[in-house]
Amino acid sequence: METDEKYYMYVLLCEDGTLYTGFTTNVARRFSMHQSGRGAKYTRSHRPIKILFTKQFLSKHDALSAEYAFKQLSHAQKIAYITKNDKRSAE
């Protein structure tokens, strides 16, 4: 069974300068949930202030794999990855 649903890996910047990474089918809705305290446990105590990066995938598996790989990087490597891969930074 094929679906037209798209999946996203996203990275949020939190008030304390930390990054939060997750996956979803609707980034705006998920960001709103994090900001209202109904998202992940981490973002309840590290309030997200901005969506830094999103990347679209055609399968849940690919989005989850990208999320896992990103979480293995150091903070500096994550920033470098975002800078290199964010299309908005090239505009």
PDB file of N, CA and C in Angstrom:
ATOM      1  N   MET A   1       0.836  -1.175   0.000  1.00  0.00           N
ATOM      2  CA  MET A   1       0.000   0.000   0.000  1.00  0.00           C
ATOM      3  C   MET A   1       0.890   1.250   0.000  1.00  0.00           C
ATOM      4  N   GLU A   2       0.759   2.085  -1.016  1.00  0.00           N
ATOM      5  CA  GLU A   2       1.527   3.316  -1.101  1.00  0.00           C
ATOM      6  C   GLU A   2       0.737   4.461  -0.487  1.00  0.00           C
ATOM      7  N   THR A   3       1.470   5.427   0.027  1.00  0.00           N
ATOM      8  CA  THR A   3       0.843   6.601   0.622  1.00  0.00           C
ATOM      9  C   THR A   3       1.537   7.852   0.113  1.00  0.00           C
ATOM     10  N   ASP A   4       0.806   8.940   0.051  1.00  0.00           N
ATOM     11  CA  ASP A   4       1.389  10.216  -0.367  1.00  0.00           C
ATOM     12  C   ASP A   4       1.928  10.986   0.832  1.00  0.00           C
ATOM     13  N   GLU A   5       1.816  10.413   2.025  1.00  0.00           N
ATOM     14  CA  GLU A   5       2.269  11.098   3.231  1.00  0.00           C
ATOM     15  C   GLU A   5       3.780  11.282   3.192  1.00  0.00           C
ATOM     16  N   LYS A   6       4.196  12.452   3.621  1.00  0.00           N
ATOM     17  CA  LYS A   6       5.619  12.755   3.676  1.00  0.00           C
ATOM     18  C   LYS A   6       6.046  12.824   5.129  1.00  0.00           C
ATOM     19  N   TYR A   7       7.285  12.479   5.373  1.00  0.00           N
ATOM     20  CA  TYR A   7       7.834  12.462   6.720  1.00  0.00           C
ATOM     21  C   TYR A   7       8.995  13.441   6.784  1.00  0.00           C
ATOM     22  N   TYR A   8       9.183  14.024   7.944  1.00  0.00           N
ATOM     23  CA  TYR A   8      10.209  15.036   8.113  1.00  0.00           C
ATOM     24  C   TYR A   8      11.061  14.761   9.346  1.00  0.00           C
ATOM     25  N   MET A   9      12.351  14.974   9.198  1.00  0.00           N
ATOM     26  CA  MET A   9      13.236  15.086  10.343  1.00  0.00           C
ATOM     27  C   MET A   9      13.351  16.585  10.573  1.00  0.00           C
ATOM     28  N   TYR A  10      13.305  17.004  11.834  1.00  0.00           N
ATOM     29  CA  TYR A  10      13.395  18.430  12.122  1.00  0.00           C
ATOM     30  C   TYR A  10      14.338  18.660  13.299  1.00  0.00           C
ATOM     31  N   VAL A  11      14.898  19.862  13.337  1.00  0.00           N
ATOM     32  CA  VAL A  11      15.805  20.258  14.419  1.00  0.00           C
ATOM     33  C   VAL A  11      15.298  21.583  14.977  1.00  0.00           C
ATOM     34  N   LEU A  12      15.125  21.627  16.291  1.00  0.00           N
ATOM     35  CA  LEU A  12      14.667  22.836  16.970  1.00  0.00           C
ATOM     36  C   LEU A  12      15.808  23.431  17.783  1.00  0.00           C
ATOM     37  N   LEU A  13      15.847  24.749  17.840  1.00  0.00           N
ATOM     38  CA  LEU A  13      16.753  25.455  18.733  1.00  0.00           C
ATOM     39  C   LEU A  13      15.976  25.764  20.001  1.00  0.00           C
ATOM     40  N   CYS A  14      16.534  25.398  21.141  1.00  0.00           N
ATOM     41  CA  CYS A  14      15.880  25.639  22.426  1.00  0.00           C
ATOM     42  C   CYS A  14      16.460  26.887  23.081  1.00  0.00           C
ATOM     43  N   GLU A  15      15.725  27.433  24.045  1.00  0.00           N
ATOM     44  CA  GLU A  15      16.121  28.675  24.734  1.00  0.00           C
ATOM     45  C   GLU A  15      17.537  28.625  25.301  1.00  0.00           C
ATOM     46  N   ASP A  16      17.942  27.458  25.765  1.00  0.00           N
ATOM     47  CA  ASP A  16      19.262  27.331  26.388  1.00  0.00           C
ATOM     48  C   ASP A  16      20.379  27.028  25.390  1.00  0.00           C
ATOM     49  N   GLY A  17      20.062  27.094  24.093  1.00  0.00           N
ATOM     50  CA  GLY A  17      21.075  26.866  23.062  1.00  0.00           C
ATOM     51  C   GLY A  17      21.237  25.419  22.640  1.00  0.00           C
ATOM     52  N   THR A  18      20.495  24.520  23.281  1.00  0.00           N
ATOM     53  CA  THR A  18      20.567  23.114  22.898  1.00  0.00           C
ATOM     54  C   THR A  18      19.695  22.873  21.666  1.00  0.00           C
ATOM     55  N   LEU A  19      19.918  21.731  21.044  1.00  0.00           N
ATOM     56  CA  LEU A  19      19.149  21.340  19.869  1.00  0.00           C
ATOM     57  C   LEU A  19      18.285  20.134  20.208  1.00  0.00           C
ATOM     58  N   TYR A  20      17.098  20.104  19.640  1.00  0.00           N
ATOM     59  CA  TYR A  20      16.216  18.940  19.782  1.00  0.00           C
ATOM     60  C   TYR A  20      15.911  18.437  18.385  1.00  0.00           C
ATOM     61  N   THR A  21      16.018  17.152  18.176  1.00  0.00           N
ATOM     62  CA  THR A  21      15.757  16.540  16.872  1.00  0.00           C
ATOM     63  C   THR A  21      14.625  15.539  16.988  1.00  0.00           C
ATOM     64  N   GLY A  22      13.721  15.557  16.009  1.00  0.00           N
ATOM     65  CA  GLY A  22      12.606  14.617  16.004  1.00  0.00           C
ATOM     66  C   GLY A  22      12.159  14.335  14.584  1.00  0.00           C
ATOM     67  N   PHE A  23      11.069  13.595  14.479  1.00  0.00           N
ATOM     68  CA  PHE A  23      10.486  13.340  13.155  1.00  0.00           C
ATOM     69  C   PHE A  23       8.974  13.470  13.277  1.00  0.00           C
ATOM     70  N   THR A  24       8.336  13.821  12.157  1.00  0.00           N
ATOM     71  CA  THR A  24       6.901  14.036  12.152  1.00  0.00           C
ATOM     72  C   THR A  24       6.389  14.033  10.718  1.00  0.00           C
ATOM     73  N   THR A  25       5.086  14.103  10.573  1.00  0.00           N
ATOM     74  CA  THR A  25       4.475  14.277   9.255  1.00  0.00           C
ATOM     75  C   THR A  25       4.014  15.723   9.067  1.00  0.00           C
ATOM     76  N   ASN A  26       4.048  16.521  10.161  1.00  0.00           N
ATOM     77  CA  ASN A  26       3.607  17.909  10.098  1.00  0.00           C
ATOM     78  C   ASN A  26       4.482  18.734  11.047  1.00  0.00           C
ATOM     79  N   VAL A  27       5.477  19.401  10.505  1.00  0.00           N
ATOM     80  CA  VAL A  27       6.461  20.115  11.322  1.00  0.00           C
ATOM     81  C   VAL A  27       5.815  21.260  12.106  1.00  0.00           C
ATOM     82  N   ALA A  28       4.976  22.053  11.468  1.00  0.00           N
ATOM     83  CA  ALA A  28       4.362  23.201  12.144  1.00  0.00           C
ATOM     84  C   ALA A  28       3.513  22.749  13.333  1.00  0.00           C
ATOM     85  N   ARG A  29       2.719  21.710  13.134  1.00  0.00           N
ATOM     86  CA  ARG A  29       1.885  21.193  14.225  1.00  0.00           C
ATOM     87  C   ARG A  29       2.746  20.653  15.366  1.00  0.00           C
ATOM     88  N   ARG A  30       3.790  19.934  15.028  1.00  0.00           N
ATOM     89  CA  ARG A  30       4.659  19.347  16.055  1.00  0.00           C
ATOM     90  C   ARG A  30       5.410  20.440  16.821  1.00  0.00           C
ATOM     91  N   PHE A  31       5.867  21.473  16.118  1.00  0.00           N
ATOM     92  CA  PHE A  31       6.547  22.588  16.778  1.00  0.00           C
ATOM     93  C   PHE A  31       5.599  23.269  17.770  1.00  0.00           C
ATOM     94  N   SER A  32       4.369  23.464  17.349  1.00  0.00           N
ATOM     95  CA  SER A  32       3.360  24.061  18.220  1.00  0.00           C
ATOM     96  C   SER A  32       3.143  23.206  19.473  1.00  0.00           C
ATOM     97  N   MET A  33       3.121  21.903  19.300  1.00  0.00           N
ATOM     98  CA  MET A  33       2.965  20.995  20.443  1.00  0.00           C
ATOM     99  C   MET A  33       4.152  21.135  21.401  1.00  0.00           C
ATOM    100  N   HIS A  34       5.358  21.185  20.862  1.00  0.00           N
ATOM    101  CA  HIS A  34       6.548  21.346  21.699  1.00  0.00           C
ATOM    102  C   HIS A  34       6.479  22.667  22.477  1.00  0.00           C
ATOM    103  N   GLN A  35       6.091  23.735  21.798  1.00  0.00           N
ATOM    104  CA  GLN A  35       6.041  25.048  22.451  1.00  0.00           C
ATOM    105  C   GLN A  35       4.983  25.106  23.549  1.00  0.00           C
ATOM    106  N   SER A  36       3.907  24.366  23.384  1.00  0.00           N
ATOM    107  CA  SER A  36       2.832  24.391  24.373  1.00  0.00           C
ATOM    108  C   SER A  36       3.078  23.418  25.530  1.00  0.00           C
ATOM    109  N   GLY A  37       4.194  22.679  25.469  1.00  0.00           N
ATOM    110  CA  GLY A  37       4.506  21.738  26.549  1.00  0.00           C
ATOM    111  C   GLY A  37       3.875  20.363  26.373  1.00  0.00           C
ATOM    112  N   ARG A  38       3.261  20.116  25.208  1.00  0.00           N
ATOM    113  CA  ARG A  38       2.635  18.820  24.954  1.00  0.00           C
ATOM    114  C   ARG A  38       3.477  17.951  24.016  1.00  0.00           C
ATOM    115  N   GLY A  39       4.714  18.372  23.765  1.00  0.00           N
ATOM    116  CA  GLY A  39       5.608  17.604  22.895  1.00  0.00           C
ATOM    117  C   GLY A  39       6.435  16.639  23.721  1.00  0.00           C
ATOM    118  N   ALA A  40       7.656  16.481  23.340  1.00  0.00           N
ATOM    119  CA  ALA A  40       8.574  15.561  24.017  1.00  0.00           C
ATOM    120  C   ALA A  40       8.908  16.050  25.430  1.00  0.00           C
ATOM    121  N   LYS A  41       9.265  15.129  26.280  1.00  0.00           N
ATOM    122  CA  LYS A  41       9.638  15.456  27.661  1.00  0.00           C
ATOM    123  C   LYS A  41      10.788  16.474  27.676  1.00  0.00           C
ATOM    124  N   TYR A  42      11.755  16.298  26.797  1.00  0.00           N
ATOM    125  CA  TYR A  42      12.923  17.191  26.745  1.00  0.00           C
ATOM    126  C   TYR A  42      12.498  18.638  26.515  1.00  0.00           C
ATOM    127  N   THR A  43      11.557  18.854  25.597  1.00  0.00           N
ATOM    128  CA  THR A  43      11.184  20.228  25.252  1.00  0.00           C
ATOM    129  C   THR A  43      10.271  20.871  26.296  1.00  0.00           C
ATOM    130  N   ARG A  44       9.828  20.110  27.275  1.00  0.00           N
ATOM    131  CA  ARG A  44       9.062  20.712  28.371  1.00  0.00           C
ATOM    132  C   ARG A  44       9.980  21.532  29.266  1.00  0.00           C
ATOM    133  N   SER A  45      11.228  21.103  29.412  1.00  0.00           N
ATOM    134  CA  SER A  45      12.174  21.829  30.260  1.00  0.00           C
ATOM    135  C   SER A  45      13.208  22.617  29.447  1.00  0.00           C
ATOM    136  N   HIS A  46      13.230  22.411  28.149  1.00  0.00           N
ATOM    137  CA  HIS A  46      14.126  23.143  27.239  1.00  0.00           C
ATOM    138  C   HIS A  46      13.244  23.722  26.134  1.00  0.00           C
ATOM    139  N   ARG A  47      12.605  24.833  26.421  1.00  0.00           N
ATOM    140  CA  ARG A  47      11.607  25.400  25.507  1.00  0.00           C
ATOM    141  C   ARG A  47      12.177  25.701  24.124  1.00  0.00           C
ATOM    142  N   PRO A  48      11.541  25.163  23.081  1.00  0.00           N
ATOM    143  CA  PRO A  48      11.998  25.449  21.719  1.00  0.00           C
ATOM    144  C   PRO A  48      11.578  26.852  21.292  1.00  0.00           C
ATOM    145  N   ILE A  49      12.473  27.539  20.599  1.00  0.00           N
ATOM    146  CA  ILE A  49      12.177  28.900  20.161  1.00  0.00           C
ATOM    147  C   ILE A  49      12.166  29.049  18.639  1.00  0.00           C
ATOM    148  N   LYS A  50      12.749  28.076  17.941  1.00  0.00           N
ATOM    149  CA  LYS A  50      12.874  28.226  16.488  1.00  0.00           C
ATOM    150  C   LYS A  50      13.083  26.866  15.822  1.00  0.00           C
ATOM    151  N   ILE A  51      12.498  26.705  14.646  1.00  0.00           N
ATOM    152  CA  ILE A  51      12.787  25.539  13.814  1.00  0.00           C
ATOM    153  C   ILE A  51      14.042  25.884  13.016  1.00  0.00           C
ATOM    154  N   LEU A  52      15.114  25.149  13.264  1.00  0.00           N
ATOM    155  CA  LEU A  52      16.377  25.426  12.566  1.00  0.00           C
ATOM    156  C   LEU A  52      16.485  24.730  11.218  1.00  0.00           C
ATOM    157  N   PHE A  53      15.908  23.530  11.130  1.00  0.00           N
ATOM    158  CA  PHE A  53      16.156  22.715   9.943  1.00  0.00           C
ATOM    159  C   PHE A  53      15.053  21.684   9.781  1.00  0.00           C
ATOM    160  N   THR A  54      14.656  21.448   8.555  1.00  0.00           N
ATOM    161  CA  THR A  54      13.748  20.345   8.240  1.00  0.00           C
ATOM    162  C   THR A  54      14.251  19.660   6.977  1.00  0.00           C
ATOM    163  N   LYS A  55      14.009  18.386   6.906  1.00  0.00           N
ATOM    164  CA  LYS A  55      14.334  17.629   5.693  1.00  0.00           C
ATOM    165  C   LYS A  55      13.217  16.629   5.461  1.00  0.00           C
ATOM    166  N   GLN A  56      12.731  16.589   4.238  1.00  0.00           N
ATOM    167  CA  GLN A  56      11.605  15.726   3.874  1.00  0.00           C
ATOM    168  C   GLN A  56      12.087  14.365   3.390  1.00  0.00           C
ATOM    169  N   PHE A  57      11.320  13.330   3.747  1.00  0.00           N
ATOM    170  CA  PHE A  57      11.597  11.962   3.325  1.00  0.00           C
ATOM    171  C   PHE A  57      10.309  11.317   2.827  1.00  0.00           C
ATOM    172  N   LEU A  58      10.449  10.334   1.973  1.00  0.00           N
ATOM    173  CA  LEU A  58       9.285   9.656   1.424  1.00  0.00           C
ATOM    174  C   LEU A  58       8.806   8.489   2.286  1.00  0.00           C
ATOM    175  N   SER A  59       9.653   8.066   3.251  1.00  0.00           N
ATOM    176  CA  SER A  59       9.241   6.958   4.114  1.00  0.00           C
ATOM    177  C   SER A  59       9.560   7.269   5.574  1.00  0.00           C
ATOM    178  N   LYS A  60       8.774   6.681   6.432  1.00  0.00           N
ATOM    179  CA  LYS A  60       8.989   6.831   7.870  1.00  0.00           C
ATOM    180  C   LYS A  60      10.358   6.269   8.246  1.00  0.00           C
ATOM    181  N   HIS A  61      10.711   5.143   7.664  1.00  0.00           N
ATOM    182  CA  HIS A  61      11.992   4.499   7.933  1.00  0.00           C
ATOM    183  C   HIS A  61      13.158   5.443   7.636  1.00  0.00           C
ATOM    184  N   ASP A  62      13.105   6.110   6.482  1.00  0.00           N
ATOM    185  CA  ASP A  62      14.187   7.022   6.098  1.00  0.00           C
ATOM    186  C   ASP A  62      14.265   8.213   7.055  1.00  0.00           C
ATOM    187  N   ALA A  63      13.133   8.750   7.455  1.00  0.00           N
ATOM    188  CA  ALA A  63      13.126   9.885   8.388  1.00  0.00           C
ATOM    189  C   ALA A  63      13.674   9.476   9.752  1.00  0.00           C
ATOM    190  N   LEU A  64      13.273   8.315  10.233  1.00  0.00           N
ATOM    191  CA  LEU A  64      13.768   7.829  11.521  1.00  0.00           C
ATOM    192  C   LEU A  64      15.263   7.526  11.465  1.00  0.00           C
ATOM    193  N   SER A  65      15.719   6.981  10.355  1.00  0.00           N
ATOM    194  CA  SER A  65      17.151   6.700  10.187  1.00  0.00           C
ATOM    195  C   SER A  65      17.968   7.990  10.182  1.00  0.00           C
ATOM    196  N   ALA A  66      17.449   9.009   9.492  1.00  0.00           N
ATOM    197  CA  ALA A  66      18.140  10.301   9.455  1.00  0.00           C
ATOM    198  C   ALA A  66      18.160  10.936  10.840  1.00  0.00           C
ATOM    199  N   GLU A  67      17.061  10.836  11.573  1.00  0.00           N
ATOM    200  CA  GLU A  67      17.004  11.368  12.935  1.00  0.00           C
ATOM    201  C   GLU A  67      18.047  10.683  13.820  1.00  0.00           C
ATOM    202  N   TYR A  68      18.116   9.373  13.743  1.00  0.00           N
ATOM    203  CA  TYR A  68      19.073   8.617  14.549  1.00  0.00           C
ATOM    204  C   TYR A  68      20.512   9.018  14.207  1.00  0.00           C
ATOM    205  N   ALA A  69      20.817   9.086  12.925  1.00  0.00           N
ATOM    206  CA  ALA A  69      22.179   9.443  12.494  1.00  0.00           C
ATOM    207  C   ALA A  69      22.544  10.849  12.957  1.00  0.00           C
ATOM    208  N   PHE A  70      21.602  11.773  12.856  1.00  0.00           N
ATOM    209  CA  PHE A  70      21.849  13.152  13.280  1.00  0.00           C
ATOM    210  C   PHE A  70      22.126  13.218  14.777  1.00  0.00           C
ATOM    211  N   LYS A  71      21.395  12.456  15.547  1.00  0.00           N
ATOM    212  CA  LYS A  71      21.561  12.465  17.003  1.00  0.00           C
ATOM    213  C   LYS A  71      22.917  11.916  17.433  1.00  0.00           C
ATOM    214  N   GLN A  72      23.589  11.179  16.578  1.00  0.00           N
ATOM    215  CA  GLN A  72      24.907  10.635  16.903  1.00  0.00           C
ATOM    216  C   GLN A  72      26.021  11.671  16.743  1.00  0.00           C
ATOM    217  N   LEU A  73      25.723  12.786  16.086  1.00  0.00           N
ATOM    218  CA  LEU A  73      26.720  13.821  15.842  1.00  0.00           C
ATOM    219  C   LEU A  73      26.947  14.682  17.079  1.00  0.00           C
ATOM    220  N   SER A  74      28.122  15.298  17.161  1.00  0.00           N
ATOM    221  CA  SER A  74      28.388  16.263  18.223  1.00  0.00           C
ATOM    222  C   SER A  74      27.614  17.548  17.903  1.00  0.00           C
ATOM    223  N   HIS A  75      27.521  18.434  18.876  1.00  0.00           N
ATOM    224  CA  HIS A  75      26.810  19.707  18.658  1.00  0.00           C
ATOM    225  C   HIS A  75      27.432  20.469  17.484  1.00  0.00           C
ATOM    226  N   ALA A  76      28.748  20.544  17.444  1.00  0.00           N
ATOM    227  CA  ALA A  76      29.448  21.257  16.363  1.00  0.00           C
ATOM    228  C   ALA A  76      29.170  20.604  15.004  1.00  0.00           C
ATOM    229  N   GLN A  77      29.156  19.288  14.963  1.00  0.00           N
ATOM    230  CA  GLN A  77      28.867  18.572  13.716  1.00  0.00           C
ATOM    231  C   GLN A  77      27.420  18.813  13.272  1.00  0.00           C
ATOM    232  N   LYS A  78      26.510  18.897  14.230  1.00  0.00           N
ATOM    233  CA  LYS A  78      25.105  19.173  13.898  1.00  0.00           C
ATOM    234  C   LYS A  78      24.968  20.550  13.273  1.00  0.00           C
ATOM    235  N   ILE A  79      25.622  21.548  13.856  1.00  0.00           N
ATOM    236  CA  ILE A  79      25.569  22.904  13.306  1.00  0.00           C
ATOM    237  C   ILE A  79      26.163  22.931  11.897  1.00  0.00           C
ATOM    238  N   ALA A  80      27.282  22.258  11.708  1.00  0.00           N
ATOM    239  CA  ALA A  80      27.913  22.192  10.387  1.00  0.00           C
ATOM    240  C   ALA A  80      26.990  21.516   9.375  1.00  0.00           C
ATOM    241  N   TYR A  81      26.329  20.442   9.776  1.00  0.00           N
ATOM    242  CA  TYR A  81      25.397  19.734   8.894  1.00  0.00           C
ATOM    243  C   TYR A  81      24.254  20.656   8.485  1.00  0.00           C
ATOM    244  N   ILE A  82      23.684  21.362   9.451  1.00  0.00           N
ATOM    245  CA  ILE A  82      22.566  22.265   9.165  1.00  0.00           C
ATOM    246  C   ILE A  82      23.023  23.368   8.212  1.00  0.00           C
ATOM    247  N   THR A  83      24.158  23.954   8.489  1.00  0.00           N
ATOM    248  CA  THR A  83      24.687  25.033   7.642  1.00  0.00           C
ATOM    249  C   THR A  83      24.919  24.546   6.217  1.00  0.00           C
ATOM    250  N   LYS A  84      25.466  23.362   6.073  1.00  0.00           N
ATOM    251  CA  LYS A  84      25.771  22.808   4.756  1.00  0.00           C
ATOM    252  C   LYS A  84      24.509  22.409   3.987  1.00  0.00           C
ATOM    253  N   ASN A  85      23.510  21.884   4.689  1.00  0.00           N
ATOM    254  CA  ASN A  85      22.339  21.307   4.015  1.00  0.00           C
ATOM    255  C   ASN A  85      21.091  22.180   4.011  1.00  0.00           C
ATOM    256  N   ASP A  86      21.110  23.307   4.688  1.00  0.00           N
ATOM    257  CA  ASP A  86      19.925  24.152   4.757  1.00  0.00           C
ATOM    258  C   ASP A  86      19.859  25.037   3.507  1.00  0.00           C
ATOM    259  N   LYS A  87      18.863  24.806   2.680  1.00  0.00           N
ATOM    260  CA  LYS A  87      18.704  25.567   1.442  1.00  0.00           C
ATOM    261  C   LYS A  87      18.478  27.045   1.721  1.00  0.00           C
ATOM    262  N   ARG A  88      17.850  27.371   2.859  1.00  0.00           N
ATOM    263  CA  ARG A  88      17.585  28.766   3.188  1.00  0.00           C
ATOM    264  C   ARG A  88      18.873  29.553   3.416  1.00  0.00           C
ATOM    265  N   SER A  89      19.924  28.876   3.928  1.00  0.00           N
ATOM    266  CA  SER A  89      21.172  29.583   4.201  1.00  0.00           C
ATOM    267  C   SER A  89      21.908  29.942   2.898  1.00  0.00           C
ATOM    268  N   ALA A  90      21.524  29.317   1.786  1.00  0.00           N
ATOM    269  CA  ALA A  90      22.171  29.590   0.499  1.00  0.00           C
ATOM    270  C   ALA A  90      21.479  30.735  -0.230  1.00  0.00           C
ATOM    271  N   GLU A  91      20.312  31.152   0.254  1.00  0.00           N
ATOM    272  CA  GLU A  91      19.547  32.207  -0.427  1.00  0.00           C
ATOM    273  C   GLU A  91      20.033  33.586  -0.051  1.00  0.00           C
TER     274      GLU A  91
END
